[in-house]
Amino acid sequence: MSRRDPRSRARQCATSFRCLNCRLDVSLDAPGTAHRNHCPNCLWSRHVDDRVPGDRASECRSRMEPISIAVRGDGEWVVIHRCTGCGALSGNRAAGDDNPLLLVRTAVGPLARPPFPLERLAGS
């Protein structure tokens, strides 16, 4: 008789998750991605994947803050998250139902908060 991890059984049956940040119930089905693990409303995530998307092998399980947007060569947007527990960085494909205003706001965030005074760009 083999014993299975109860968490793995729960993951097999789950069709949604509750966002740790805004508390929205989020469907695991998402247009444009096979492994949704971020909230389409606030873009926050949970540190669930370890080495590859969808492996759900991370033991950290802390909240992951959306800190930036990266754009792949084919134009696909990727939300960059930083784990609030261990500091790990990861990228998750933007899904078709993600909040477009929040995606753009996250993308331009570094322009609104540059790491140096903008006066330096004016030249002398």
N, C-alpha and C. Protein backbone atom coordinates (compact mmCIF):
# COMPACT_ATOMS: atom_id res chain seq x y z
N MET A 1 0.84 -1.17 0.00
CA MET A 1 0.00 0.00 0.00
C MET A 1 0.89 1.24 0.00
N SER A 2 0.68 2.13 -0.95
CA SER A 2 1.51 3.32 -1.02
C SER A 2 0.77 4.51 -0.43
N ARG A 3 1.52 5.37 0.21
CA ARG A 3 0.94 6.58 0.78
C ARG A 3 1.31 7.75 -0.12
N ARG A 4 0.36 8.59 -0.36
CA ARG A 4 0.60 9.77 -1.18
C ARG A 4 0.57 11.01 -0.31
N ASP A 5 1.30 12.01 -0.78
CA ASP A 5 1.31 13.30 -0.10
C ASP A 5 -0.08 13.92 -0.24
N PRO A 6 -0.76 14.26 0.87
CA PRO A 6 -2.09 14.84 0.79
C PRO A 6 -2.12 16.14 0.01
N ARG A 7 -1.01 16.91 0.05
CA ARG A 7 -0.98 18.16 -0.72
C ARG A 7 -1.02 17.87 -2.21
N SER A 8 -0.35 16.79 -2.65
CA SER A 8 -0.34 16.49 -4.07
C SER A 8 -1.74 16.07 -4.53
N ARG A 9 -2.46 15.36 -3.70
CA ARG A 9 -3.83 14.98 -4.04
C ARG A 9 -4.74 16.20 -4.12
N ALA A 10 -4.56 17.12 -3.20
CA ALA A 10 -5.36 18.35 -3.21
C ALA A 10 -5.05 19.17 -4.45
N ARG A 11 -3.79 19.18 -4.87
CA ARG A 11 -3.41 19.93 -6.07
C ARG A 11 -4.04 19.32 -7.31
N GLN A 12 -4.17 17.99 -7.35
CA GLN A 12 -4.76 17.32 -8.50
C GLN A 12 -6.23 17.68 -8.63
N CYS A 13 -6.91 17.91 -7.54
CA CYS A 13 -8.35 18.17 -7.55
C CYS A 13 -8.67 19.66 -7.61
N ALA A 14 -7.74 20.52 -7.31
CA ALA A 14 -8.02 21.95 -7.22
C ALA A 14 -8.35 22.53 -8.59
N THR A 15 -9.33 23.41 -8.61
CA THR A 15 -9.69 24.14 -9.83
C THR A 15 -9.51 25.64 -9.65
N SER A 16 -9.19 26.05 -8.41
CA SER A 16 -8.98 27.46 -8.13
C SER A 16 -8.08 27.61 -6.91
N PHE A 17 -7.67 28.85 -6.66
CA PHE A 17 -6.91 29.16 -5.45
C PHE A 17 -7.33 30.54 -4.97
N ARG A 18 -7.09 30.82 -3.71
CA ARG A 18 -7.40 32.12 -3.13
C ARG A 18 -6.12 32.95 -3.11
N CYS A 19 -6.19 34.15 -3.69
CA CYS A 19 -5.04 35.06 -3.72
C CYS A 19 -4.68 35.45 -2.29
N LEU A 20 -3.39 35.33 -1.96
CA LEU A 20 -2.92 35.68 -0.62
C LEU A 20 -2.88 37.19 -0.40
N ASN A 21 -2.93 37.96 -1.49
CA ASN A 21 -2.85 39.41 -1.37
C ASN A 21 -4.23 40.05 -1.34
N CYS A 22 -5.05 39.83 -2.37
CA CYS A 22 -6.35 40.52 -2.43
C CYS A 22 -7.53 39.61 -2.07
N ARG A 23 -7.26 38.33 -1.82
CA ARG A 23 -8.25 37.34 -1.37
C ARG A 23 -9.27 36.94 -2.44
N LEU A 24 -9.02 37.25 -3.71
CA LEU A 24 -9.90 36.86 -4.80
C LEU A 24 -9.78 35.36 -5.04
N ASP A 25 -10.90 34.69 -5.30
CA ASP A 25 -10.86 33.30 -5.73
C ASP A 25 -10.54 33.28 -7.21
N VAL A 26 -9.42 32.62 -7.57
CA VAL A 26 -8.89 32.66 -8.93
C VAL A 26 -8.95 31.27 -9.55
N SER A 27 -9.52 31.18 -10.74
CA SER A 27 -9.57 29.93 -11.48
C SER A 27 -8.17 29.58 -11.98
N LEU A 28 -7.84 28.29 -11.97
CA LEU A 28 -6.55 27.86 -12.49
C LEU A 28 -6.51 27.91 -14.01
N ASP A 29 -7.67 27.94 -14.65
CA ASP A 29 -7.73 28.08 -16.10
C ASP A 29 -7.47 29.52 -16.46
N ALA A 30 -6.49 29.75 -17.34
CA ALA A 30 -6.15 31.11 -17.74
C ALA A 30 -5.82 31.14 -19.22
N PRO A 31 -6.37 32.10 -19.94
CA PRO A 31 -6.02 32.21 -21.35
C PRO A 31 -4.56 32.61 -21.53
N GLY A 32 -3.83 31.85 -22.34
CA GLY A 32 -2.44 32.19 -22.65
C GLY A 32 -1.39 31.52 -21.80
N THR A 33 -1.78 30.74 -20.80
CA THR A 33 -0.79 30.06 -19.97
C THR A 33 -1.35 28.75 -19.44
N ALA A 34 -0.50 27.77 -19.29
CA ALA A 34 -0.93 26.46 -18.80
C ALA A 34 -0.74 26.30 -17.30
N HIS A 35 0.03 27.20 -16.68
CA HIS A 35 0.36 27.05 -15.26
C HIS A 35 0.12 28.36 -14.52
N ARG A 36 -1.14 28.73 -14.35
CA ARG A 36 -1.42 29.98 -13.65
C ARG A 36 -1.05 29.84 -12.18
N ASN A 37 -0.27 30.80 -11.70
CA ASN A 37 -0.03 30.86 -10.26
C ASN A 37 0.05 32.31 -9.80
N HIS A 38 -0.54 33.23 -10.58
CA HIS A 38 -0.64 34.61 -10.09
C HIS A 38 -2.07 35.09 -10.29
N CYS A 39 -2.43 36.06 -9.48
CA CYS A 39 -3.79 36.60 -9.48
C CYS A 39 -3.96 37.59 -10.64
N PRO A 40 -5.01 37.46 -11.44
CA PRO A 40 -5.21 38.39 -12.54
C PRO A 40 -5.65 39.78 -12.07
N ASN A 41 -6.10 39.88 -10.84
CA ASN A 41 -6.58 41.15 -10.30
C ASN A 41 -5.44 42.03 -9.78
N CYS A 42 -4.53 41.44 -8.97
CA CYS A 42 -3.47 42.24 -8.34
C CYS A 42 -2.07 41.82 -8.79
N LEU A 43 -1.96 40.72 -9.55
CA LEU A 43 -0.71 40.17 -10.10
C LEU A 43 0.20 39.51 -9.07
N TRP A 44 -0.19 39.47 -7.79
CA TRP A 44 0.62 38.80 -6.78
C TRP A 44 0.57 37.29 -7.02
N SER A 45 1.57 36.60 -6.53
CA SER A 45 1.68 35.16 -6.72
C SER A 45 2.05 34.49 -5.41
N ARG A 46 2.27 33.21 -5.49
CA ARG A 46 2.75 32.43 -4.35
C ARG A 46 3.92 31.61 -4.83
N HIS A 47 4.94 31.47 -4.03
CA HIS A 47 6.13 30.72 -4.42
C HIS A 47 5.81 29.22 -4.38
N VAL A 48 5.31 28.72 -5.50
CA VAL A 48 4.91 27.31 -5.57
C VAL A 48 5.82 26.48 -6.47
N ASP A 49 6.40 27.09 -7.51
CA ASP A 49 7.25 26.34 -8.43
C ASP A 49 8.70 26.44 -8.00
N ASP A 50 9.44 25.34 -8.22
CA ASP A 50 10.84 25.31 -7.81
C ASP A 50 11.76 25.51 -9.01
N ARG A 51 11.82 24.53 -9.89
CA ARG A 51 12.77 24.59 -11.01
C ARG A 51 12.12 24.91 -12.36
N VAL A 52 10.93 24.40 -12.59
CA VAL A 52 10.26 24.63 -13.87
C VAL A 52 8.81 25.03 -13.63
N PRO A 53 8.23 25.82 -14.54
CA PRO A 53 6.82 26.21 -14.38
C PRO A 53 5.91 24.99 -14.27
N GLY A 54 5.06 25.01 -13.26
CA GLY A 54 4.09 23.93 -13.09
C GLY A 54 4.55 22.78 -12.22
N ASP A 55 5.83 22.78 -11.76
CA ASP A 55 6.27 21.64 -10.95
C ASP A 55 5.71 21.66 -9.53
N ARG A 56 5.30 22.82 -9.04
CA ARG A 56 4.68 23.00 -7.73
C ARG A 56 5.51 22.35 -6.62
N ALA A 57 6.85 22.41 -6.76
CA ALA A 57 7.75 21.71 -5.84
C ALA A 57 8.41 22.61 -4.81
N SER A 58 8.13 23.90 -4.80
CA SER A 58 8.77 24.78 -3.84
C SER A 58 8.23 24.54 -2.43
N GLU A 59 9.12 24.56 -1.48
CA GLU A 59 8.71 24.42 -0.08
C GLU A 59 8.50 25.78 0.58
N CYS A 60 8.89 26.86 -0.08
CA CYS A 60 8.82 28.20 0.51
C CYS A 60 7.36 28.63 0.75
N ARG A 61 6.54 28.64 -0.28
CA ARG A 61 5.11 28.96 -0.22
C ARG A 61 4.80 30.40 0.22
N SER A 62 5.80 31.29 0.22
CA SER A 62 5.57 32.68 0.60
C SER A 62 4.92 33.46 -0.54
N ARG A 63 4.46 34.67 -0.23
CA ARG A 63 3.86 35.53 -1.24
C ARG A 63 4.95 36.07 -2.15
N MET A 64 4.60 36.28 -3.42
CA MET A 64 5.54 36.82 -4.40
C MET A 64 4.97 38.12 -4.96
N GLU A 65 5.75 39.19 -4.81
CA GLU A 65 5.33 40.52 -5.24
C GLU A 65 5.68 40.76 -6.71
N PRO A 66 4.74 41.30 -7.49
CA PRO A 66 5.08 41.64 -8.87
C PRO A 66 5.95 42.90 -8.87
N ILE A 67 7.16 42.81 -9.42
CA ILE A 67 8.07 43.95 -9.34
C ILE A 67 8.40 44.56 -10.69
N SER A 68 8.16 43.82 -11.77
CA SER A 68 8.53 44.33 -13.08
C SER A 68 7.85 43.51 -14.18
N ILE A 69 8.02 43.99 -15.39
CA ILE A 69 7.54 43.27 -16.57
C ILE A 69 8.74 43.10 -17.50
N ALA A 70 8.89 41.92 -18.06
CA ALA A 70 9.90 41.67 -19.09
C ALA A 70 9.14 41.31 -20.37
N VAL A 71 9.76 41.58 -21.50
CA VAL A 71 9.14 41.24 -22.78
C VAL A 71 10.07 40.30 -23.52
N ARG A 72 9.54 39.13 -23.89
CA ARG A 72 10.33 38.15 -24.63
C ARG A 72 10.48 38.59 -26.08
N GLY A 73 11.36 37.92 -26.80
CA GLY A 73 11.63 38.26 -28.19
C GLY A 73 10.42 38.22 -29.09
N ASP A 74 9.45 37.37 -28.75
CA ASP A 74 8.24 37.26 -29.57
C ASP A 74 7.16 38.25 -29.14
N GLY A 75 7.49 39.14 -28.19
CA GLY A 75 6.55 40.15 -27.74
C GLY A 75 5.70 39.74 -26.55
N GLU A 76 5.86 38.51 -26.09
CA GLU A 76 5.08 38.03 -24.94
C GLU A 76 5.55 38.72 -23.66
N TRP A 77 4.58 39.18 -22.85
CA TRP A 77 4.89 39.82 -21.58
C TRP A 77 5.03 38.78 -20.48
N VAL A 78 5.98 39.01 -19.59
CA VAL A 78 6.24 38.13 -18.46
C VAL A 78 6.26 38.99 -17.19
N VAL A 79 5.49 38.58 -16.19
CA VAL A 79 5.48 39.29 -14.90
C VAL A 79 6.64 38.75 -14.07
N ILE A 80 7.51 39.64 -13.61
CA ILE A 80 8.64 39.25 -12.77
C ILE A 80 8.20 39.41 -11.31
N HIS A 81 8.34 38.32 -10.56
CA HIS A 81 7.96 38.32 -9.14
C HIS A 81 9.20 38.13 -8.27
N ARG A 82 9.17 38.75 -7.08
CA ARG A 82 10.20 38.52 -6.07
C ARG A 82 9.52 37.95 -4.84
N CYS A 83 10.05 36.83 -4.35
CA CYS A 83 9.49 36.17 -3.18
C CYS A 83 9.75 36.99 -1.93
N THR A 84 8.70 37.24 -1.14
CA THR A 84 8.84 38.00 0.10
C THR A 84 9.47 37.16 1.20
N GLY A 85 9.56 35.84 1.00
CA GLY A 85 10.15 34.96 2.00
C GLY A 85 11.64 34.72 1.77
N CYS A 86 11.99 34.25 0.57
CA CYS A 86 13.38 33.86 0.31
C CYS A 86 14.09 34.76 -0.69
N GLY A 87 13.35 35.70 -1.31
CA GLY A 87 13.97 36.63 -2.24
C GLY A 87 14.17 36.12 -3.65
N ALA A 88 13.73 34.89 -3.92
CA ALA A 88 13.89 34.31 -5.27
C ALA A 88 13.11 35.14 -6.29
N LEU A 89 13.65 35.20 -7.50
CA LEU A 89 12.98 35.87 -8.61
C LEU A 89 12.44 34.82 -9.57
N SER A 90 11.27 35.10 -10.14
CA SER A 90 10.74 34.19 -11.15
C SER A 90 9.89 34.98 -12.13
N GLY A 91 9.73 34.43 -13.31
CA GLY A 91 8.92 35.05 -14.33
C GLY A 91 7.71 34.18 -14.64
N ASN A 92 6.55 34.81 -14.75
CA ASN A 92 5.31 34.11 -15.10
C ASN A 92 4.68 34.81 -16.28
N ARG A 93 4.30 34.03 -17.28
CA ARG A 93 3.62 34.60 -18.43
C ARG A 93 2.42 35.41 -18.01
N ALA A 94 2.24 36.56 -18.64
CA ALA A 94 1.01 37.32 -18.43
C ALA A 94 -0.12 36.53 -19.08
N ALA A 95 -1.25 36.46 -18.41
CA ALA A 95 -2.41 35.74 -18.93
C ALA A 95 -3.36 36.73 -19.59
N GLY A 96 -4.21 36.21 -20.46
CA GLY A 96 -5.12 37.05 -21.21
C GLY A 96 -6.13 37.79 -20.36
N ASP A 97 -6.38 37.32 -19.14
CA ASP A 97 -7.35 38.00 -18.28
C ASP A 97 -6.70 38.82 -17.17
N ASP A 98 -5.37 39.02 -17.25
CA ASP A 98 -4.69 39.87 -16.26
C ASP A 98 -5.15 41.32 -16.41
N ASN A 99 -5.16 42.02 -15.29
CA ASN A 99 -5.57 43.42 -15.25
C ASN A 99 -4.62 44.25 -16.13
N PRO A 100 -5.11 44.75 -17.29
CA PRO A 100 -4.20 45.46 -18.20
C PRO A 100 -3.64 46.75 -17.61
N LEU A 101 -4.41 47.47 -16.83
CA LEU A 101 -3.92 48.70 -16.22
C LEU A 101 -2.78 48.40 -15.26
N LEU A 102 -2.92 47.35 -14.47
CA LEU A 102 -1.87 46.98 -13.51
C LEU A 102 -0.62 46.46 -14.23
N LEU A 103 -0.80 45.75 -15.35
CA LEU A 103 0.35 45.31 -16.14
C LEU A 103 1.16 46.50 -16.64
N VAL A 104 0.46 47.49 -17.20
CA VAL A 104 1.16 48.68 -17.71
C VAL A 104 1.78 49.47 -16.57
N ARG A 105 1.06 49.60 -15.48
CA ARG A 105 1.59 50.31 -14.31
C ARG A 105 2.86 49.65 -13.79
N THR A 106 2.88 48.32 -13.76
CA THR A 106 4.06 47.58 -13.32
C THR A 106 5.21 47.76 -14.31
N ALA A 107 4.87 47.78 -15.60
CA ALA A 107 5.90 47.94 -16.63
C ALA A 107 6.58 49.30 -16.58
N VAL A 108 5.82 50.35 -16.31
CA VAL A 108 6.40 51.71 -16.30
C VAL A 108 6.89 52.12 -14.91
N GLY A 109 6.69 51.29 -13.93
CA GLY A 109 7.13 51.61 -12.57
C GLY A 109 8.57 52.06 -12.46
N PRO A 110 9.53 51.36 -13.09
CA PRO A 110 10.92 51.81 -13.01
C PRO A 110 11.15 53.19 -13.62
N LEU A 111 10.34 53.58 -14.59
CA LEU A 111 10.48 54.92 -15.17
C LEU A 111 9.99 55.98 -14.19
N ALA A 112 8.99 55.63 -13.39
CA ALA A 112 8.45 56.57 -12.40
C ALA A 112 9.34 56.67 -11.17
N ARG A 113 10.13 55.63 -10.91
CA ARG A 113 11.02 55.59 -9.74
C ARG A 113 12.44 55.22 -10.18
N PRO A 114 13.11 56.08 -10.94
CA PRO A 114 14.45 55.72 -11.43
C PRO A 114 15.44 55.58 -10.28
N PRO A 115 16.47 54.74 -10.46
CA PRO A 115 17.45 54.52 -9.39
C PRO A 115 18.48 55.64 -9.26
N PHE A 116 18.31 56.70 -10.04
CA PHE A 116 19.24 57.83 -10.00
C PHE A 116 18.45 59.10 -10.30
N PRO A 117 18.96 60.28 -9.94
CA PRO A 117 18.25 61.52 -10.23
C PRO A 117 18.16 61.77 -11.73
N LEU A 118 16.98 62.09 -12.21
CA LEU A 118 16.79 62.32 -13.65
C LEU A 118 17.58 63.53 -14.15
N GLU A 119 17.95 64.43 -13.26
CA GLU A 119 18.72 65.60 -13.64
C GLU A 119 20.06 65.21 -14.27
N ARG A 120 20.57 64.04 -13.93
CA ARG A 120 21.84 63.57 -14.50
C ARG A 120 21.74 63.36 -16.00
N LEU A 121 20.54 63.11 -16.49
CA LEU A 121 20.35 62.89 -17.92
C LEU A 121 20.38 64.18 -18.71
N ALA A 122 20.16 65.30 -18.07
CA ALA A 122 20.11 66.59 -18.76
C ALA A 122 21.48 66.99 -19.32
N GLY A 123 22.53 66.47 -18.75
CA GLY A 123 23.88 66.81 -19.22
C GLY A 123 24.30 68.19 -18.75
N SER A 124 25.54 68.49 -18.85
CA SER A 124 25.99 69.81 -18.42
C SER A 124 26.86 70.46 -19.46
